[in-house]
Protein backbone atom coordinates (compact mmCIF):
# COMPACT_ATOMS: atom_id res chain seq x y z
CA ALA A 1 12.03 -64.94 -2.67
CA ILE A 2 11.42 -63.39 -6.39
CA HIS A 3 15.30 -62.02 -6.51
CA ALA A 4 16.61 -65.82 -5.77
CA ILE A 5 14.82 -67.12 -9.13
CA ASP A 6 17.33 -67.59 -12.07
CA GLU A 7 17.18 -69.04 -15.46
CA THR A 8 17.46 -72.51 -13.78
CA LYS A 9 14.09 -72.10 -11.33
CA LEU A 10 12.26 -70.02 -14.25
CA GLU A 11 10.17 -72.67 -16.01
CA SER A 12 8.93 -74.40 -12.50
CA THR A 13 8.11 -70.57 -11.03
CA PHE A 14 6.92 -68.85 -14.13
CA GLY A 15 3.27 -69.59 -13.39
CA ARG A 16 3.53 -68.24 -9.89
CA LEU A 17 5.36 -64.85 -11.06
CA ALA A 18 2.48 -64.52 -13.91
CA GLU A 19 0.17 -64.35 -10.81
CA LEU A 20 2.29 -62.08 -8.69
CA ILE A 21 1.83 -59.37 -11.14
CA GLN A 22 -1.59 -58.84 -10.45
CA LYS A 23 0.13 -57.27 -7.25
CA GLU A 24 0.99 -53.55 -8.33
CA THR A 25 3.80 -53.58 -5.30
CA LEU A 26 5.41 -56.79 -6.76
CA GLN A 27 5.56 -55.58 -10.24
CA PRO A 28 9.01 -53.84 -10.09
CA ALA A 29 10.47 -57.06 -8.40
CA VAL A 30 8.92 -59.31 -10.97
CA SER A 31 10.14 -56.82 -13.76
CA ALA A 32 13.39 -56.83 -12.65
CA CYS A 33 13.85 -60.52 -11.85
CA LEU A 34 12.55 -61.50 -15.77
CA GLN A 35 14.93 -58.79 -17.36
CA ALA A 36 18.29 -59.86 -15.38
CA ILE A 37 17.35 -63.89 -16.74
CA GLY A 38 16.96 -61.93 -20.00
CA PRO A 39 16.36 -63.90 -23.23
CA VAL A 40 15.32 -67.11 -22.10
CA ALA A 41 12.57 -65.20 -19.79
CA ALA A 42 11.72 -63.07 -22.77
CA GLU A 43 10.83 -66.34 -24.93
CA ARG A 44 9.09 -67.31 -22.08
CA ILE A 45 7.02 -64.69 -21.87
CA GLY A 46 6.33 -64.66 -25.48
CA ASP A 47 5.17 -68.06 -25.43
CA HIS A 48 2.80 -67.34 -22.23
CA LEU A 49 1.46 -64.32 -23.92
CA GLY A 50 0.46 -66.20 -26.85
CA ALA A 51 -1.22 -68.65 -25.02
CA MET A 52 -3.22 -66.16 -23.27
CA GLN A 53 -6.35 -64.47 -24.08
CA TYR A 54 -5.92 -60.69 -23.21
CA GLU A 55 -9.66 -60.52 -21.80
CA THR A 56 -8.93 -63.37 -19.03
CA ALA A 57 -5.89 -60.88 -17.33
CA PRO A 58 -5.34 -57.36 -18.93
CA ASP A 59 -3.37 -55.99 -16.59
CA THR A 60 -0.93 -59.20 -16.72
CA PHE A 61 -0.98 -59.19 -20.59
CA ARG A 62 -0.09 -55.59 -20.81
CA PHE A 63 2.70 -56.08 -18.13
CA LEU A 64 4.38 -58.95 -20.04
CA THR A 65 4.08 -57.24 -23.42
CA GLN A 66 5.91 -54.30 -21.86
CA ILE A 67 8.61 -56.53 -20.50
CA LEU A 68 9.06 -57.89 -23.89
CA ILE A 69 9.27 -54.53 -25.52
CA GLU A 70 11.98 -53.39 -23.04
CA ALA A 71 14.02 -56.62 -23.38
CA GLY A 72 13.89 -56.03 -27.50
CA GLU A 73 16.89 -55.84 -29.79
CA ASP A 74 16.23 -52.75 -31.65
CA GLU A 75 14.63 -54.83 -34.52
CA ARG A 76 10.76 -54.98 -35.10
CA SER A 77 9.21 -57.93 -33.72
CA PRO A 78 5.97 -59.08 -35.42
CA LYS A 79 4.90 -60.93 -32.24
CA ILE A 80 5.14 -57.86 -30.08
CA GLU A 81 3.10 -56.28 -32.64
CA GLY A 82 0.68 -58.80 -32.47
CA PHE A 83 0.64 -58.39 -28.86
CA ILE A 84 0.15 -54.94 -28.89
CA GLU A 85 -2.68 -55.22 -31.39
CA GLN A 86 -4.58 -57.35 -28.74
CA VAL A 87 -4.97 -54.68 -26.24
CA ARG A 88 -8.26 -53.68 -26.37
CA GLY A 89 -7.61 -49.87 -24.34
CA GLU A 90 -6.48 -47.18 -26.64
CA ASP A 91 -4.77 -45.42 -24.08
CA ASP A 92 -2.91 -48.64 -23.24
CA ARG A 93 -2.29 -49.98 -26.72
CA ALA A 94 -1.11 -45.94 -27.95
CA ARG A 95 1.31 -46.47 -24.39
CA LEU A 96 2.54 -49.37 -25.67
CA MET A 97 3.27 -48.84 -29.25
CA THR A 98 5.14 -45.49 -28.03
CA ASP A 99 7.37 -47.70 -26.38
CA TYR A 100 7.74 -50.28 -28.72
CA LEU A 101 8.88 -47.59 -31.68
CA ARG A 102 11.35 -46.19 -29.85
CA SER A 103 12.61 -49.06 -28.86
CA LEU A 104 13.58 -49.44 -32.67
CA SER A 105 16.91 -48.27 -33.86
CA SER A 106 16.63 -45.76 -36.14
CA ASP A 107 17.63 -47.31 -39.58
CA ARG A 108 16.77 -45.57 -42.55
CA GLY A 109 18.16 -48.41 -44.96
CA ASN A 110 15.67 -50.63 -43.14
CA ARG A 111 12.55 -51.15 -45.73
CA GLN A 112 10.44 -53.35 -43.49
CA ARG A 113 10.80 -50.92 -40.72
CA LEU A 114 9.83 -47.99 -42.52
CA VAL A 115 6.90 -49.67 -44.25
CA PHE A 116 5.76 -50.34 -40.84
CA ALA A 117 6.46 -46.44 -39.78
CA ARG A 118 4.28 -45.45 -42.44
CA GLU A 119 1.72 -47.50 -41.46
CA GLN A 120 1.70 -46.50 -37.94
CA LEU A 121 1.92 -42.71 -39.59
CA ALA A 122 -1.40 -42.96 -41.23
CA GLU A 123 -3.16 -44.97 -38.27
CA TYR A 124 -2.36 -42.19 -35.71
CA VAL A 125 -2.56 -39.15 -37.63
CA GLN A 126 -6.32 -40.56 -38.49
CA GLN A 127 -6.73 -41.24 -34.71
CA ALA A 128 -5.25 -37.34 -33.84
CA ASP A 129 -7.41 -35.70 -36.20
CA MET A 130 -10.61 -37.64 -34.99
CA TYR A 131 -10.23 -35.90 -31.50
CA LEU A 132 -9.03 -32.89 -32.79
CA GLN A 133 -12.12 -32.43 -34.78
CA ARG A 134 -14.14 -33.31 -31.79
CA LEU A 135 -12.45 -30.90 -29.51
CA ALA A 136 -13.57 -28.14 -32.17
CA LYS A 137 -17.23 -29.21 -31.62
CA LEU A 138 -17.58 -29.11 -28.33
CA PRO A 139 -19.87 -27.02 -27.14
CA SER A 140 -18.48 -24.44 -24.39
CA GLY A 141 -19.34 -24.45 -20.92
CA PRO A 142 -18.68 -25.88 -17.63
CA ASP A 143 -20.27 -29.48 -18.41
CA ALA A 144 -17.74 -29.96 -21.55
CA GLU A 145 -14.66 -29.00 -19.66
CA ALA A 146 -13.80 -32.40 -18.55
CA LEU A 147 -14.59 -34.33 -22.02
CA ARG A 148 -12.47 -31.48 -23.52
CA LEU A 149 -9.67 -32.34 -21.07
CA ALA A 150 -10.09 -36.06 -21.52
CA CYS A 151 -9.79 -35.29 -25.37
CA GLU A 152 -6.98 -33.36 -25.31
CA HIS A 153 -5.13 -35.84 -23.20
CA GLN A 154 -6.32 -38.42 -26.28
CA PHE A 155 -4.98 -36.05 -28.64
CA GLN A 156 -1.39 -35.75 -27.25
CA LEU A 157 -1.12 -39.32 -26.47
CA ARG A 158 -1.47 -39.93 -30.51
CA LEU A 159 1.31 -37.15 -31.02
CA ARG A 160 3.39 -39.14 -28.50
CA VAL A 161 3.05 -42.11 -30.72
CA LEU A 162 4.01 -39.83 -34.16
CA TYR A 163 7.13 -38.24 -32.78
CA GLU A 164 8.10 -41.77 -32.19
CA VAL A 165 7.27 -42.89 -35.92
CA PHE A 166 9.13 -39.68 -37.47
CA ARG A 167 12.25 -40.51 -35.49
CA LEU A 168 12.23 -43.20 -37.70
CA PHE A 169 12.55 -41.79 -40.62
CA ASP A 170 15.08 -39.09 -39.30
CA PRO A 171 16.49 -39.27 -35.63
CA THR A 172 18.39 -35.95 -35.71
CA ILE A 173 15.35 -33.64 -35.12
CA ASP A 174 13.53 -32.98 -32.11
CA TYR A 175 10.09 -33.35 -33.21
CA LYS A 176 8.08 -32.31 -30.20
CA LYS A 177 9.82 -28.87 -29.99
CA LEU A 178 9.27 -28.54 -33.68
CA PHE A 179 5.63 -29.46 -33.58
CA ARG A 180 4.64 -27.54 -30.20
CA ALA A 181 6.61 -24.62 -31.91
CA ALA A 182 3.86 -25.08 -34.92
CA MET A 183 1.20 -25.50 -32.74
CA VAL A 184 1.46 -22.30 -30.78
CA GLY A 185 3.20 -20.12 -33.21
CA GLY A 186 2.22 -18.24 -36.48
CA GLU A 187 2.38 -18.90 -40.41
CA ASN A 188 6.09 -18.47 -40.17
CA GLU A 189 6.35 -21.55 -37.42
CA ARG A 190 4.16 -23.95 -39.05
CA ALA A 191 5.74 -23.39 -42.90
CA GLU A 192 9.29 -23.86 -41.39
CA ALA A 193 7.64 -26.84 -39.28
CA GLY A 194 6.26 -27.82 -42.50
CA GLU A 195 8.83 -27.74 -44.76
CA VAL A 196 11.05 -29.94 -42.56
CA LEU A 197 8.11 -32.39 -42.29
CA GLU A 198 7.79 -32.57 -46.10
CA GLY A 199 11.91 -33.43 -46.27
CA VAL A 200 11.52 -35.86 -43.88
CA LEU A 201 8.08 -37.74 -44.72
CA GLY A 202 7.43 -36.43 -48.04
CA GLN A 203 4.62 -33.79 -49.40
CA ALA A 204 1.47 -35.78 -48.93
CA ASP A 205 2.20 -37.04 -45.28
CA ALA A 206 3.38 -34.10 -44.18
CA GLU A 207 0.39 -32.32 -45.19
CA GLN A 208 -1.92 -34.61 -43.41
CA VAL A 209 0.22 -34.39 -40.41
CA MET A 210 0.57 -30.46 -40.47
CA ARG A 211 -3.47 -30.53 -40.13
CA LEU A 212 -2.98 -31.44 -36.45
CA ALA A 213 -0.71 -28.07 -35.99
CA LYS A 214 -3.63 -25.39 -37.16
CA PRO A 215 -5.58 -23.52 -35.15
CA ALA A 216 -9.12 -23.85 -35.61
CA ALA A 217 -9.94 -20.58 -36.99
CA ASP A 218 -13.62 -21.24 -37.34
CA LYS A 219 -15.37 -23.58 -35.63
CA GLY A 220 -18.47 -23.17 -36.95
CA GLU A 221 -21.52 -24.90 -35.05
CA PHE A 222 -21.02 -26.33 -32.24
CA GLU A 223 -22.65 -30.54 -32.38
CA SER A 224 -25.27 -31.82 -30.07
CA VAL A 225 -24.60 -33.70 -27.15
CA ASN A 226 -26.30 -36.49 -28.65
CA PHE A 227 -23.60 -36.41 -31.39
CA PHE A 228 -20.89 -36.86 -28.34
CA VAL A 229 -23.07 -39.81 -26.76
CA GLN A 230 -23.30 -41.56 -30.01
CA SER A 231 -18.79 -40.62 -30.85
CA PHE A 232 -18.00 -41.71 -27.53
CA ARG A 233 -20.53 -44.07 -25.86
CA ASP A 234 -18.15 -47.09 -26.26
CA HIS A 235 -14.89 -45.63 -25.50
CA ASP A 236 -12.67 -47.60 -23.20
CA SER A 237 -11.29 -44.64 -21.35
CA LYS A 238 -12.87 -43.89 -18.47
CA TRP A 239 -12.18 -40.06 -18.30
CA ILE A 240 -14.09 -40.04 -21.86
CA ARG A 241 -16.77 -41.83 -20.37
CA ALA A 242 -16.79 -39.61 -17.26
CA GLY A 243 -16.69 -36.27 -19.18
CA LEU A 244 -18.99 -37.54 -21.41
CA LEU A 245 -21.40 -38.34 -18.40
CA LEU A 246 -21.24 -34.82 -17.07
CA LEU A 247 -21.88 -33.50 -20.59
CA ALA A 248 -24.74 -35.63 -20.83
CA GLY A 249 -26.29 -35.03 -17.34
CA GLY A 250 -28.19 -31.45 -18.15
CA GLU A 251 -30.09 -34.01 -20.80
CA TYR A 252 -30.65 -36.85 -18.61
CA ASP A 253 -34.33 -37.80 -19.91
CA ASP A 254 -32.84 -38.25 -23.73
CA HIS A 255 -29.78 -40.34 -22.76
CA ARG A 256 -31.09 -42.14 -19.59
CA GLU A 257 -30.15 -45.37 -21.57
CA TRP A 258 -26.86 -44.45 -22.35
CA VAL A 259 -25.83 -42.77 -18.35
CA GLY A 260 -27.05 -46.18 -17.03
CA GLU A 261 -24.83 -48.30 -18.93
CA HIS A 262 -21.77 -46.10 -18.40
CA LEU A 263 -22.94 -46.44 -14.71
CA ARG A 264 -23.09 -50.50 -14.86
CA HIS A 265 -19.60 -49.99 -16.73
CA ALA A 266 -16.89 -52.85 -15.58
CA GLU A 267 -14.47 -50.13 -15.12
CA PRO A 268 -16.32 -46.73 -13.72
């Protein structure tokens, strides 16, 4: 039984445990077992992930990386960061990064941690801004609604990462509440949020972040269906691809090749 595995049995049973991870109903028991064993299990997981190729077992790779994050000791781990980087799916990578950042202590005197936080800040502001720009250019009408919801979900995932990034600079502020007030409020709320973030991040980074909270007062012209097909045709999110399929369905003849590729996708 899984619960009977301890440190003395781990080496001989780890391969079997890794196989059991593929059964979703057994994942909680496997996770509890490995976490109970502690540092020895974390070391064994790290060795196993280091020898794996992500493509061979994506679910197992993500699951074991998640356990490593939960077993962390509030400090940066280049090894864990490397494992997160190997994850192909944007959704999965953003979720793991959110949990990893949340696991780090907010010691503002730790220069290496703040350098890493700045790197993630730049990366996820850029990603969030990309989805915001796509949302602003989506055509109106029911055909675009599914893609709009999928892009909004992607945008919110990036914001969750950013909230954890901000915490590493100053953990005393409720950034989610602050940012939501800026997004739904008026100029006064956005100005107040901008001042708070400037005190935390500095002027240049705060200005980049606050661009994400500004309403699209003038969307201008909508982009063509072809623009979105070219933007998202290789996206790894099934919801983005499904939304794109609905959007492109009205112009099937123009996008016959991509529609065929989508329907043959390994994860439809």
